[in-house]
Amino acid sequence: MMIFTEQKLRQYITLNQDTLSIIEDSFTKLAQQQVVMPPIMRLDIHDYNGEVDVKTAYVKGKAMFAIKVSSGYFDNPKQGLPSGSGFMMLMDTKTGIPQALFLDNGYLTDVRTAAAGAIAANYSSKKTVETVGIIGSGSQARLQLTALTLVRDFKKVLVYSRSAKAAYRFAEEMSSALNITVQVAESAKEVIKKSQLVVTTTPATEPLVKAEWLHSGLHITAMGSDAEHKQELEAEVLSSADKIICDTTAQCMRLGELHHALASGTLNDASNVIELGQLTSQEKKGRDHDDQITVCDLTGTGAQDTAIALYAYREMIKRSKGIEIDCSHQSQKN
């Protein structure tokens, strides 16, 4: 079995057109029913403000599939620890024998999630964007903004965080990293009102974005609501949108922003919801004209995990950057 470390993965697996392409392909295959993907298994550790998700998917024709364990412990930053962690494992499709272990501390999940955000924006936001808005200031906020530079040219970024200190640190770091003007907004309202493309990246349990702030031409990608109790958008945001896009409708009906809109009765049904794979496969359009308001609800799929794990495996093997462990079966004597 091969073992790959976070340090090496960070060196060779980055956000680029290749990673966008393989994640886009995973959405297309999902929409075309070429993926076997069970519901997410979730465990909440309320005593420590923590959660653990297990995701997996078999993409038909692939020699291996991934099982991914990801954790979010949202009090960790108070102890100087990252809020997100986890690992991935590749299993042989024919035998079920483990082939590779990615000790990535959630890094591959971060990359594939940011790629999904860029793909959603590419198919759903206006082609011309002056200002991008980011709500949240953690590692995923940084990656989402970085990924957007691969699909859109924009001149200005507005960021809002509940922690002003974190927001100013984000603005300073990302201005330097991307050579783009990043300014701190005083409120989520300011971000929504002044941006054409917004990404929300928080573990909020109460809505941060109100429907009354929406305006013509706006696109919002909400990627923080991946559990029943999380919610970044007021339910009326979805009912006010001209188009609602989900990574997978069934999953978003259970865990995402769509779940809250349906549960509250604000949205009557999900029959008009578009899946992201229907956009990447050209089956449907994310935007018919510049004046439309579009919302994309991302909860993260096992198909993305298998796609990024297979890509990472190929890239690391090509560079001989793994550690090989002999796990061969041997007879045991009692």
C-alpha atoms as a PDB file:
ATOM      1  CA  MET A   1       0.000   0.000   0.000  1.00  0.00           C
ATOM      2  CA  MET A   2       1.162   3.523  -0.779  1.00  0.00           C
ATOM      3  CA  ILE A   3       1.099   6.289   1.818  1.00  0.00           C
ATOM      4  CA  PHE A   4       1.154   9.947   0.830  1.00  0.00           C
ATOM      5  CA  THR A   5       1.757  12.774   3.309  1.00  0.00           C
ATOM      6  CA  GLU A   6       0.178  16.219   3.464  1.00  0.00           C
ATOM      7  CA  GLN A   7       3.535  17.890   2.953  1.00  0.00           C
ATOM      8  CA  LYS A   8       4.152  16.135  -0.374  1.00  0.00           C
ATOM      9  CA  LEU A   9       0.554  16.476  -1.526  1.00  0.00           C
ATOM     10  CA  ARG A  10       0.670  20.234  -0.957  1.00  0.00           C
ATOM     11  CA  GLN A  11       3.780  20.394  -3.145  1.00  0.00           C
ATOM     12  CA  TYR A  12       2.333  18.621  -6.151  1.00  0.00           C
ATOM     13  CA  ILE A  13      -1.484  18.831  -5.977  1.00  0.00           C
ATOM     14  CA  THR A  14      -2.640  22.420  -6.364  1.00  0.00           C
ATOM     15  CA  LEU A  15      -5.567  24.416  -7.667  1.00  0.00           C
ATOM     16  CA  ASN A  16      -5.094  24.640 -11.419  1.00  0.00           C
ATOM     17  CA  GLN A  17      -6.919  23.907 -14.665  1.00  0.00           C
ATOM     18  CA  ASP A  18      -6.155  20.195 -14.298  1.00  0.00           C
ATOM     19  CA  THR A  19      -7.857  19.906 -10.910  1.00  0.00           C
ATOM     20  CA  LEU A  20     -10.811  21.946 -12.173  1.00  0.00           C
ATOM     21  CA  SER A  21     -11.115  19.632 -15.159  1.00  0.00           C
ATOM     22  CA  ILE A  22     -11.131  16.393 -13.166  1.00  0.00           C
ATOM     23  CA  ILE A  23     -13.693  17.736 -10.673  1.00  0.00           C
ATOM     24  CA  GLU A  24     -15.861  19.042 -13.516  1.00  0.00           C
ATOM     25  CA  ASP A  25     -15.752  15.584 -15.079  1.00  0.00           C
ATOM     26  CA  SER A  26     -16.888  14.047 -11.775  1.00  0.00           C
ATOM     27  CA  PHE A  27     -20.025  16.220 -11.816  1.00  0.00           C
ATOM     28  CA  THR A  28     -20.737  15.253 -15.423  1.00  0.00           C
ATOM     29  CA  LYS A  29     -20.419  11.552 -14.601  1.00  0.00           C
ATOM     30  CA  LEU A  30     -22.654  12.031 -11.548  1.00  0.00           C
ATOM     31  CA  ALA A  31     -25.386  13.623 -13.683  1.00  0.00           C
ATOM     32  CA  GLN A  32     -25.023  10.904 -16.311  1.00  0.00           C
ATOM     33  CA  GLN A  33     -25.549   8.209 -13.656  1.00  0.00           C
ATOM     34  CA  GLN A  34     -22.081   6.757 -14.079  1.00  0.00           C
ATOM     35  CA  VAL A  35     -21.466   6.995 -10.320  1.00  0.00           C
ATOM     36  CA  VAL A  36     -22.583   4.770  -7.450  1.00  0.00           C
ATOM     37  CA  MET A  37     -22.744   7.075  -4.430  1.00  0.00           C
ATOM     38  CA  PRO A  38     -24.414   6.269  -1.092  1.00  0.00           C
ATOM     39  CA  PRO A  39     -25.711   8.937   1.308  1.00  0.00           C
ATOM     40  CA  ILE A  40     -23.171  10.625   3.576  1.00  0.00           C
ATOM     41  CA  MET A  41     -22.640   9.053   6.972  1.00  0.00           C
ATOM     42  CA  ARG A  42     -22.458  11.812   9.576  1.00  0.00           C
ATOM     43  CA  LEU A  43     -21.547  11.924  13.266  1.00  0.00           C
ATOM     44  CA  ASP A  44     -21.970  15.050  15.409  1.00  0.00           C
ATOM     45  CA  ILE A  45     -19.863  15.421  18.556  1.00  0.00           C
ATOM     46  CA  HIS A  46     -21.832  18.216  20.192  1.00  0.00           C
ATOM     47  CA  ASP A  47     -19.790  18.059  23.413  1.00  0.00           C
ATOM     48  CA  TYR A  48     -16.802  19.441  21.505  1.00  0.00           C
ATOM     49  CA  ASN A  49     -18.513  21.369  18.684  1.00  0.00           C
ATOM     50  CA  GLY A  50     -17.289  18.738  16.263  1.00  0.00           C
ATOM     51  CA  GLU A  51     -18.552  16.697  13.348  1.00  0.00           C
ATOM     52  CA  VAL A  52     -17.259  13.830  11.208  1.00  0.00           C
ATOM     53  CA  ASP A  53     -18.451  12.939   7.690  1.00  0.00           C
ATOM     54  CA  VAL A  54     -17.714   9.777   5.713  1.00  0.00           C
ATOM     55  CA  LYS A  55     -18.123  10.024   1.931  1.00  0.00           C
ATOM     56  CA  THR A  56     -17.463   7.568  -0.868  1.00  0.00           C
ATOM     57  CA  ALA A  57     -18.343   6.881  -4.492  1.00  0.00           C
ATOM     58  CA  TYR A  58     -17.492   4.393  -7.184  1.00  0.00           C
ATOM     59  CA  VAL A  59     -17.082   5.951 -10.621  1.00  0.00           C
ATOM     60  CA  LYS A  60     -17.865   3.245 -13.150  1.00  0.00           C
ATOM     61  CA  GLY A  61     -14.834   1.976 -15.036  1.00  0.00           C
ATOM     62  CA  LYS A  62     -12.282   3.232 -12.507  1.00  0.00           C
ATOM     63  CA  ALA A  63      -9.817   0.743 -11.004  1.00  0.00           C
ATOM     64  CA  MET A  64     -10.086   2.287  -7.526  1.00  0.00           C
ATOM     65  CA  PHE A  65     -12.569   4.271  -5.457  1.00  0.00           C
ATOM     66  CA  ALA A  66     -12.087   6.563  -2.467  1.00  0.00           C
ATOM     67  CA  ILE A  67     -13.423   6.484   1.058  1.00  0.00           C
ATOM     68  CA  LYS A  68     -12.961   9.850   2.744  1.00  0.00           C
ATOM     69  CA  VAL A  69     -13.234  10.762   6.417  1.00  0.00           C
ATOM     70  CA  SER A  70     -13.381  14.482   7.140  1.00  0.00           C
ATOM     71  CA  SER A  71     -13.736  16.197  10.488  1.00  0.00           C
ATOM     72  CA  GLY A  72     -14.707  19.719  11.465  1.00  0.00           C
ATOM     73  CA  TYR A  73     -14.018  20.801  15.032  1.00  0.00           C
ATOM     74  CA  PHE A  74     -14.930  24.457  15.150  1.00  0.00           C
ATOM     75  CA  ASP A  75     -13.417  25.295  18.543  1.00  0.00           C
ATOM     76  CA  ASN A  76      -9.999  24.027  17.440  1.00  0.00           C
ATOM     77  CA  PRO A  77      -8.698  27.467  16.358  1.00  0.00           C
ATOM     78  CA  LYS A  78      -8.979  28.588  20.002  1.00  0.00           C
ATOM     79  CA  GLN A  79      -6.298  25.973  20.741  1.00  0.00           C
ATOM     80  CA  GLY A  80      -4.194  26.895  17.728  1.00  0.00           C
ATOM     81  CA  LEU A  81      -5.408  23.863  15.757  1.00  0.00           C
ATOM     82  CA  PRO A  82      -7.057  23.783  12.312  1.00  0.00           C
ATOM     83  CA  SER A  83     -10.822  23.296  12.353  1.00  0.00           C
ATOM     84  CA  GLY A  84     -10.725  20.769   9.519  1.00  0.00           C
ATOM     85  CA  SER A  85      -8.863  17.474   9.233  1.00  0.00           C
ATOM     86  CA  GLY A  86      -9.240  13.934   7.914  1.00  0.00           C
ATOM     87  CA  PHE A  87      -7.807  11.451   5.436  1.00  0.00           C
ATOM     88  CA  MET A  88      -8.658   9.539   2.246  1.00  0.00           C
ATOM     89  CA  MET A  89      -8.168   5.917   1.257  1.00  0.00           C
ATOM     90  CA  LEU A  90      -8.210   4.329  -2.203  1.00  0.00           C
ATOM     91  CA  MET A  91      -9.653   0.822  -2.455  1.00  0.00           C
ATOM     92  CA  ASP A  92      -9.237  -1.622  -5.332  1.00  0.00           C
ATOM     93  CA  THR A  93     -12.553  -1.835  -7.179  1.00  0.00           C
ATOM     94  CA  LYS A  94     -12.213  -5.553  -8.042  1.00  0.00           C
ATOM     95  CA  THR A  95     -10.839  -6.881  -4.739  1.00  0.00           C
ATOM     96  CA  GLY A  96     -11.711  -4.301  -2.074  1.00  0.00           C
ATOM     97  CA  ILE A  97      -8.094  -4.302  -0.898  1.00  0.00           C
ATOM     98  CA  PRO A  98      -6.767  -0.874   0.239  1.00  0.00           C
ATOM     99  CA  GLN A  99      -4.234   0.526  -2.231  1.00  0.00           C
ATOM    100  CA  ALA A 100      -3.347   3.981  -0.918  1.00  0.00           C
ATOM    101  CA  LEU A 101      -3.722   6.158   2.149  1.00  0.00           C
ATOM    102  CA  PHE A 102      -3.637   9.953   1.915  1.00  0.00           C
ATOM    103  CA  LEU A 103      -2.638  11.445   5.283  1.00  0.00           C
ATOM    104  CA  ASP A 104      -3.660  14.866   4.002  1.00  0.00           C
ATOM    105  CA  ASN A 105      -5.414  16.395   7.043  1.00  0.00           C
ATOM    106  CA  GLY A 106      -8.283  17.408   4.775  1.00  0.00           C
ATOM    107  CA  TYR A 107      -6.121  19.116   2.134  1.00  0.00           C
ATOM    108  CA  LEU A 108      -7.500  17.172  -0.853  1.00  0.00           C
ATOM    109  CA  THR A 109     -11.026  17.920   0.349  1.00  0.00           C
ATOM    110  CA  ASP A 110     -10.146  21.614   0.478  1.00  0.00           C
ATOM    111  CA  VAL A 111      -8.827  21.520  -3.090  1.00  0.00           C
ATOM    112  CA  ARG A 112     -11.783  19.670  -4.578  1.00  0.00           C
ATOM    113  CA  THR A 113     -14.251  21.912  -2.698  1.00  0.00           C
ATOM    114  CA  ALA A 114     -12.612  25.079  -4.019  1.00  0.00           C
ATOM    115  CA  ALA A 115     -12.578  23.602  -7.522  1.00  0.00           C
ATOM    116  CA  ALA A 116     -16.321  22.959  -7.265  1.00  0.00           C
ATOM    117  CA  GLY A 117     -16.883  26.580  -6.277  1.00  0.00           C
ATOM    118  CA  ALA A 118     -14.985  27.791  -9.330  1.00  0.00           C
ATOM    119  CA  ILE A 119     -16.920  25.418 -11.601  1.00  0.00           C
ATOM    120  CA  ALA A 120     -20.232  26.640 -10.176  1.00  0.00           C
ATOM    121  CA  ALA A 121     -19.197  30.256 -10.776  1.00  0.00           C
ATOM    122  CA  ASN A 122     -17.945  29.528 -14.274  1.00  0.00           C
ATOM    123  CA  TYR A 123     -21.281  28.076 -15.366  1.00  0.00           C
ATOM    124  CA  SER A 124     -23.617  30.329 -13.359  1.00  0.00           C
ATOM    125  CA  SER A 125     -22.154  33.794 -12.809  1.00  0.00           C
ATOM    126  CA  LYS A 126     -21.951  36.624 -15.312  1.00  0.00           C
ATOM    127  CA  LYS A 127     -18.931  36.525 -17.611  1.00  0.00           C
ATOM    128  CA  THR A 128     -17.977  40.051 -16.585  1.00  0.00           C
ATOM    129  CA  VAL A 129     -17.407  40.449 -12.851  1.00  0.00           C
ATOM    130  CA  GLU A 130     -15.999  43.602 -11.275  1.00  0.00           C
ATOM    131  CA  THR A 131     -16.245  42.685  -7.593  1.00  0.00           C
ATOM    132  CA  VAL A 132     -16.144  39.319  -5.848  1.00  0.00           C
ATOM    133  CA  GLY A 133     -17.499  38.954  -2.322  1.00  0.00           C
ATOM    134  CA  ILE A 134     -16.254  36.439   0.225  1.00  0.00           C
ATOM    135  CA  ILE A 135     -18.105  35.766   3.480  1.00  0.00           C
ATOM    136  CA  GLY A 136     -15.781  33.942   5.852  1.00  0.00           C
ATOM    137  CA  SER A 137     -12.014  34.230   6.285  1.00  0.00           C
ATOM    138  CA  GLY A 138     -10.711  30.707   6.856  1.00  0.00           C
ATOM    139  CA  SER A 139      -8.656  28.388   4.667  1.00  0.00           C
ATOM    140  CA  GLN A 140     -11.600  27.527   2.402  1.00  0.00           C
ATOM    141  CA  ALA A 141     -12.325  31.227   1.868  1.00  0.00           C
ATOM    142  CA  ARG A 142      -8.745  31.634   0.664  1.00  0.00           C
ATOM    143  CA  LEU A 143      -8.955  28.634  -1.643  1.00  0.00           C
ATOM    144  CA  GLN A 144     -12.342  29.633  -3.046  1.00  0.00           C
ATOM    145  CA  LEU A 145     -10.993  33.067  -3.944  1.00  0.00           C
ATOM    146  CA  THR A 146      -7.863  31.554  -5.481  1.00  0.00           C
ATOM    147  CA  ALA A 147      -9.964  29.130  -7.530  1.00  0.00           C
ATOM    148  CA  LEU A 148     -12.154  31.950  -8.842  1.00  0.00           C
ATOM    149  CA  THR A 149      -9.117  33.581 -10.439  1.00  0.00           C
ATOM    150  CA  LEU A 150      -8.940  30.543 -12.732  1.00  0.00           C
ATOM    151  CA  VAL A 151     -12.382  31.235 -14.227  1.00  0.00           C
ATOM    152  CA  ARG A 152     -13.035  34.981 -13.895  1.00  0.00           C
ATOM    153  CA  ASP A 153     -11.074  38.233 -14.159  1.00  0.00           C
ATOM    154  CA  PHE A 154     -12.061  40.671 -11.428  1.00  0.00           C
ATOM    155  CA  LYS A 155     -10.534  43.820 -10.021  1.00  0.00           C
ATOM    156  CA  LYS A 156     -11.744  43.931  -6.450  1.00  0.00           C
ATOM    157  CA  VAL A 157     -12.662  41.644  -3.538  1.00  0.00           C
ATOM    158  CA  LEU A 158     -14.784  42.410  -0.494  1.00  0.00           C
ATOM    159  CA  VAL A 159     -14.461  40.152   2.527  1.00  0.00           C
ATOM    160  CA  TYR A 160     -16.583  39.974   5.662  1.00  0.00           C
ATOM    161  CA  SER A 161     -15.909  37.871   8.736  1.00  0.00           C
ATOM    162  CA  ARG A 162     -17.373  37.883  12.234  1.00  0.00           C
ATOM    163  CA  SER A 163     -13.789  38.421  13.348  1.00  0.00           C
ATOM    164  CA  ALA A 164     -12.540  41.775  12.077  1.00  0.00           C
ATOM    165  CA  LYS A 165      -8.979  40.725  12.908  1.00  0.00           C
ATOM    166  CA  ALA A 166      -9.301  37.609  10.744  1.00  0.00           C
ATOM    167  CA  ALA A 167     -10.855  39.627   7.919  1.00  0.00           C
ATOM    168  CA  TYR A 168      -7.981  42.134   7.871  1.00  0.00           C
ATOM    169  CA  ARG A 169      -5.443  39.294   7.924  1.00  0.00           C
ATOM    170  CA  PHE A 170      -7.277  37.664   5.004  1.00  0.00           C
ATOM    171  CA  ALA A 171      -7.287  40.952   3.065  1.00  0.00           C
ATOM    172  CA  GLU A 172      -3.582  41.498   3.593  1.00  0.00           C
ATOM    173  CA  GLU A 173      -2.568  37.949   2.696  1.00  0.00           C
ATOM    174  CA  MET A 174      -4.811  37.553  -0.360  1.00  0.00           C
ATOM    175  CA  SER A 175      -4.003  41.011  -1.743  1.00  0.00           C
ATOM    176  CA  SER A 176      -0.366  40.011  -1.744  1.00  0.00           C
ATOM    177  CA  ALA A 177      -0.895  36.449  -2.990  1.00  0.00           C
ATOM    178  CA  LEU A 178      -3.211  37.306  -5.883  1.00  0.00           C
ATOM    179  CA  ASN A 179      -2.185  40.889  -6.625  1.00  0.00           C
ATOM    180  CA  ILE A 180      -5.826  41.993  -6.333  1.00  0.00           C
ATOM    181  CA  THR A 181      -7.369  44.737  -4.212  1.00  0.00           C
ATOM    182  CA  VAL A 182      -9.017  43.058  -1.196  1.00  0.00           C
ATOM    183  CA  GLN A 183     -10.988  45.253   1.175  1.00  0.00           C
ATOM    184  CA  VAL A 184     -12.740  44.449   4.451  1.00  0.00           C
ATOM    185  CA  ALA A 185     -16.500  45.045   4.437  1.00  0.00           C
ATOM    186  CA  GLU A 186     -18.366  46.174   7.525  1.00  0.00           C
ATOM    187  CA  SER A 187     -21.189  43.681   7.046  1.00  0.00           C
ATOM    188  CA  ALA A 188     -22.427  40.717   5.019  1.00  0.00           C
ATOM    189  CA  LYS A 189     -25.016  43.113   3.588  1.00  0.00           C
ATOM    190  CA  GLU A 190     -22.285  45.302   2.123  1.00  0.00           C
ATOM    191  CA  VAL A 191     -20.628  42.271   0.518  1.00  0.00           C
ATOM    192  CA  ILE A 192     -23.871  41.143  -1.146  1.00  0.00           C
ATOM    193  CA  LYS A 193     -24.939  44.618  -2.260  1.00  0.00           C
ATOM    194  CA  LYS A 194     -21.619  45.558  -3.855  1.00  0.00           C
ATOM    195  CA  SER A 195     -20.593  42.234  -5.463  1.00  0.00           C
ATOM    196  CA  GLN A 196     -21.672  40.399  -8.587  1.00  0.00           C
ATOM    197  CA  LEU A 197     -20.259  37.056  -7.447  1.00  0.00           C
ATOM    198  CA  VAL A 198     -20.317  35.940  -3.793  1.00  0.00           C
ATOM    199  CA  VAL A 199     -19.044  32.812  -2.043  1.00  0.00           C
ATOM    200  CA  THR A 200     -20.135  32.007   1.519  1.00  0.00           C
ATOM    201  CA  THR A 201     -17.671  29.779   3.392  1.00  0.00           C
ATOM    202  CA  THR A 202     -18.802  29.593   7.016  1.00  0.00           C
ATOM    203  CA  PRO A 203     -20.169  26.946   9.424  1.00  0.00           C
ATOM    204  CA  ALA A 204     -23.034  29.324  10.328  1.00  0.00           C
ATOM    205  CA  THR A 205     -26.120  27.871  11.984  1.00  0.00           C
ATOM    206  CA  GLU A 206     -28.198  31.011  11.426  1.00  0.00           C
ATOM    207  CA  PRO A 207     -28.608  32.809   8.081  1.00  0.00           C
ATOM    208  CA  LEU A 208     -26.004  35.434   7.217  1.00  0.00           C
ATOM    209  CA  VAL A 209     -27.501  36.478   3.869  1.00  0.00           C
ATOM    210  CA  LYS A 210     -30.966  38.022   3.510  1.00  0.00           C
ATOM    211  CA  ALA A 211     -33.167  37.943   0.431  1.00  0.00           C
ATOM    212  CA  GLU A 212     -33.806  41.693   0.567  1.00  0.00           C
ATOM    213  CA  TRP A 213     -30.124  42.302  -0.272  1.00  0.00           C
ATOM    214  CA  LEU A 214     -30.240  40.407  -3.581  1.00  0.00           C
ATOM    215  CA  HIS A 215     -29.870  42.341  -6.804  1.00  0.00           C
ATOM    216  CA  SER A 216     -29.996  41.817 -10.551  1.00  0.00           C
ATOM    217  CA  GLY A 217     -27.086  39.810 -11.964  1.00  0.00           C
ATOM    218  CA  LEU A 218     -25.929  38.358  -8.630  1.00  0.00           C
ATOM    219  CA  HIS A 219     -24.571  34.840  -8.255  1.00  0.00           C
ATOM    220  CA  ILE A 220     -24.061  33.228  -4.827  1.00  0.00           C
ATOM    221  CA  THR A 221     -22.229  29.974  -4.175  1.00  0.00           C
ATOM    222  CA  ALA A 222     -23.002  28.717  -0.668  1.00  0.00           C
ATOM    223  CA  MET A 223     -20.656  25.934   0.428  1.00  0.00           C
ATOM    224  CA  GLY A 224     -20.842  26.079   4.215  1.00  0.00           C
ATOM    225  CA  SER A 225     -24.153  24.310   4.810  1.00  0.00           C
ATOM    226  CA  ASP A 226     -23.220  20.628   4.739  1.00  0.00           C
ATOM    227  CA  ALA A 227     -25.171  19.470   7.789  1.00  0.00           C
ATOM    228  CA  GLU A 228     -28.808  19.657   8.827  1.00  0.00           C
ATOM    229  CA  HIS A 229     -28.203  22.363  11.431  1.00  0.00           C
ATOM    230  CA  LYS A 230     -26.068  24.656   9.245  1.00  0.00           C
ATOM    231  CA  GLN A 231     -27.501  27.552   7.246  1.00  0.00           C
ATOM    232  CA  GLU A 232     -25.845  30.548   5.578  1.00  0.00           C
ATOM    233  CA  LEU A 233     -28.709  31.809   3.394  1.00  0.00           C
ATOM    234  CA  GLU A 234     -32.146  32.942   4.445  1.00  0.00           C
ATOM    235  CA  ALA A 235     -34.651  30.476   2.959  1.00  0.00           C
ATOM    236  CA  GLU A 236     -36.192  33.290   0.916  1.00  0.00           C
ATOM    237  CA  VAL A 237     -32.880  33.697  -0.937  1.00  0.00           C
ATOM    238  CA  LEU A 238     -33.562  30.432  -2.760  1.00  0.00           C
ATOM    239  CA  SER A 239     -37.198  31.233  -3.539  1.00  0.00           C
ATOM    240  CA  SER A 240     -36.090  34.654  -4.852  1.00  0.00           C
ATOM    241  CA  ALA A 241     -33.462  33.180  -7.191  1.00  0.00           C
ATOM    242  CA  ASP A 242     -34.185  32.701 -10.883  1.00  0.00           C
ATOM    243  CA  LYS A 243     -32.158  29.489 -10.868  1.00  0.00           C
ATOM    244  CA  ILE A 244     -31.060  27.141  -8.077  1.00  0.00           C
ATOM    245  CA  ILE A 245     -28.117  24.819  -8.720  1.00  0.00           C
ATOM    246  CA  CYS A 246     -27.048  21.930  -6.453  1.00  0.00           C
ATOM    247  CA  ASP A 247     -24.093  19.563  -6.572  1.00  0.00           C
ATOM    248  CA  THR A 248     -26.627  16.785  -5.935  1.00  0.00           C
ATOM    249  CA  THR A 249     -30.291  17.597  -5.340  1.00  0.00           C
ATOM    250  CA  ALA A 250     -30.996  14.620  -3.077  1.00  0.00           C
ATOM    251  CA  GLN A 251     -28.101  15.479  -0.780  1.00  0.00           C
ATOM    252  CA  CYS A 252     -28.933  19.193  -0.662  1.00  0.00           C
ATOM    253  CA  MET A 253     -32.537  18.355   0.201  1.00  0.00           C
ATOM    254  CA  ARG A 254     -31.159  16.580   3.263  1.00  0.00           C
ATOM    255  CA  LEU A 255     -28.231  18.791   4.304  1.00  0.00           C
ATOM    256  CA  GLY A 256     -27.925  22.006   2.306  1.00  0.00           C
ATOM    257  CA  GLU A 257     -29.562  25.387   1.912  1.00  0.00           C
ATOM    258  CA  LEU A 258     -32.235  23.652  -0.173  1.00  0.00           C
ATOM    259  CA  HIS A 259     -33.135  21.592   2.900  1.00  0.00           C
ATOM    260  CA  HIS A 260     -34.070  24.744   4.860  1.00  0.00           C
ATOM    261  CA  ALA A 261     -36.023  26.315   1.989  1.00  0.00           C
ATOM    262  CA  LEU A 262     -38.122  23.177   1.583  1.00  0.00           C
ATOM    263  CA  ALA A 263     -38.546  22.543   5.320  1.00  0.00           C
ATOM    264  CA  SER A 264     -39.804  26.091   5.909  1.00  0.00           C
ATOM    265  CA  GLY A 265     -42.248  25.905   3.002  1.00  0.00           C
ATOM    266  CA  THR A 266     -40.556  28.894   1.388  1.00  0.00           C
ATOM    267  CA  LEU A 267     -39.861  26.640  -1.576  1.00  0.00           C
ATOM    268  CA  ASN A 268     -42.602  24.206  -2.515  1.00  0.00           C
ATOM    269  CA  ASP A 269     -40.628  21.617  -4.423  1.00  0.00           C
ATOM    270  CA  ALA A 270     -37.243  20.883  -5.948  1.00  0.00           C
ATOM    271  CA  SER A 271     -38.439  19.993  -9.438  1.00  0.00           C
ATOM    272  CA  ASN A 272     -36.782  23.025 -11.032  1.00  0.00           C
ATOM    273  CA  VAL A 273     -33.445  22.599  -9.264  1.00  0.00           C
ATOM    274  CA  ILE A 274     -30.526  22.108 -11.670  1.00  0.00           C
ATOM    275  CA  GLU A 275     -27.668  19.785 -10.784  1.00  0.00           C
ATOM    276  CA  LEU A 276     -24.161  21.067 -11.434  1.00  0.00           C
ATOM    277  CA  GLY A 277     -23.461  18.055 -13.662  1.00  0.00           C
ATOM    278  CA  GLN A 278     -26.316  19.118 -15.933  1.00  0.00           C
ATOM    279  CA  LEU A 279     -24.395  22.356 -16.510  1.00  0.00           C
ATOM    280  CA  THR A 280     -20.990  20.741 -17.033  1.00  0.00           C
ATOM    281  CA  SER A 281     -22.525  18.252 -19.492  1.00  0.00           C
ATOM    282  CA  GLN A 282     -24.196  21.134 -21.387  1.00  0.00           C
ATOM    283  CA  GLU A 283     -27.631  19.603 -20.750  1.00  0.00           C
ATOM    284  CA  LYS A 284     -28.841  22.842 -19.141  1.00  0.00           C
ATOM    285  CA  LYS A 285     -27.689  26.443 -18.791  1.00  0.00           C
ATOM    286  CA  GLY A 286     -26.800  28.093 -15.502  1.00  0.00           C
ATOM    287  CA  ARG A 287     -27.713  31.580 -16.680  1.00  0.00           C
ATOM    288  CA  ASP A 288     -29.874  32.722 -19.592  1.00  0.00           C
ATOM    289  CA  HIS A 289     -29.050  36.431 -19.282  1.00  0.00           C
ATOM    290  CA  ASP A 290     -27.026  38.826 -17.141  1.00  0.00           C
ATOM    291  CA  ASP A 291     -29.987  40.076 -15.090  1.00  0.00           C
ATOM    292  CA  GLN A 292     -30.795  36.732 -13.505  1.00  0.00           C
ATOM    293  CA  ILE A 293     -30.085  35.880  -9.862  1.00  0.00           C
ATOM    294  CA  THR A 294     -28.489  32.449  -9.437  1.00  0.00           C
ATOM    295  CA  VAL A 295     -27.669  30.434  -6.318  1.00  0.00           C
ATOM    296  CA  CYS A 296     -25.537  27.300  -6.077  1.00  0.00           C
ATOM    297  CA  ASP A 297     -25.810  25.045  -3.027  1.00  0.00           C
ATOM    298  CA  LEU A 298     -22.712  22.867  -2.512  1.00  0.00           C
ATOM    299  CA  THR A 299     -22.592  20.082   0.086  1.00  0.00           C
ATOM    300  CA  GLY A 300     -19.625  18.102  -1.282  1.00  0.00           C
ATOM    301  CA  THR A 301     -19.868  14.730  -2.982  1.00  0.00           C
ATOM    302  CA  GLY A 302     -18.112  11.396  -2.784  1.00  0.00           C
ATOM    303  CA  ALA A 303     -17.669  11.575  -6.553  1.00  0.00           C
ATOM    304  CA  GLN A 304     -15.396  14.602  -6.071  1.00  0.00           C
ATOM    305  CA  ASP A 305     -13.397  12.689  -3.456  1.00  0.00           C
ATOM    306  CA  THR A 306     -12.794   9.712  -5.719  1.00  0.00           C
ATOM    307  CA  ALA A 307     -11.866  12.059  -8.587  1.00  0.00           C
ATOM    308  CA  ILE A 308      -9.304  14.066  -6.595  1.00  0.00           C
ATOM    309  CA  ALA A 309      -7.866  10.935  -4.930  1.00  0.00           C
ATOM    310  CA  LEU A 310      -7.342   9.168  -8.269  1.00  0.00           C
ATOM    311  CA  TYR A 311      -5.759  12.305  -9.728  1.00  0.00           C
ATOM    312  CA  ALA A 312      -3.484  12.727  -6.704  1.00  0.00           C
ATOM    313  CA  TYR A 313      -2.491   9.045  -6.856  1.00  0.00           C
ATOM    314  CA  ARG A 314      -1.460   9.326 -10.507  1.00  0.00           C
ATOM    315  CA  GLU A 315       0.508  12.524  -9.951  1.00  0.00           C
ATOM    316  CA  MET A 316       2.325  11.249  -6.868  1.00  0.00           C
ATOM    317  CA  ILE A 317       3.159   7.846  -8.356  1.00  0.00           C
ATOM    318  CA  LYS A 318       4.470   9.578 -11.475  1.00  0.00           C
ATOM    319  CA  ARG A 319       6.863  11.530  -9.265  1.00  0.00           C
ATOM    320  CA  SER A 320       7.689   8.594  -6.935  1.00  0.00           C
ATOM    321  CA  LYS A 321       6.585  10.637  -3.907  1.00  0.00           C
ATOM    322  CA  GLY A 322       4.818   7.946  -1.894  1.00  0.00           C
ATOM    323  CA  ILE A 323       5.938   5.628   0.893  1.00  0.00           C
ATOM    324  CA  GLU A 324       5.349   1.953   0.081  1.00  0.00           C
ATOM    325  CA  ILE A 325       4.241  -0.316   2.916  1.00  0.00           C
ATOM    326  CA  ASP A 326       4.091  -4.115   2.556  1.00  0.00           C
ATOM    327  CA  CYS A 327       0.593  -5.157   3.611  1.00  0.00           C
ATOM    328  CA  SER A 328       0.564  -8.547   1.908  1.00  0.00           C
ATOM    329  CA  HIS A 329      -1.626 -11.230   3.463  1.00  0.00           C
ATOM    330  CA  GLN A 330       0.255 -13.927   5.313  1.00  0.00           C
ATOM    331  CA  SER A 331      -1.022 -17.090   6.962  1.00  0.00           C
ATOM    332  CA  GLN A 332      -1.086 -16.950  10.725  1.00  0.00           C
ATOM    333  CA  LYS A 333      -0.178 -19.809  13.053  1.00  0.00           C
ATOM    334  CA  ASN A 334      -2.076 -20.182  16.283  1.00  0.00           C
END
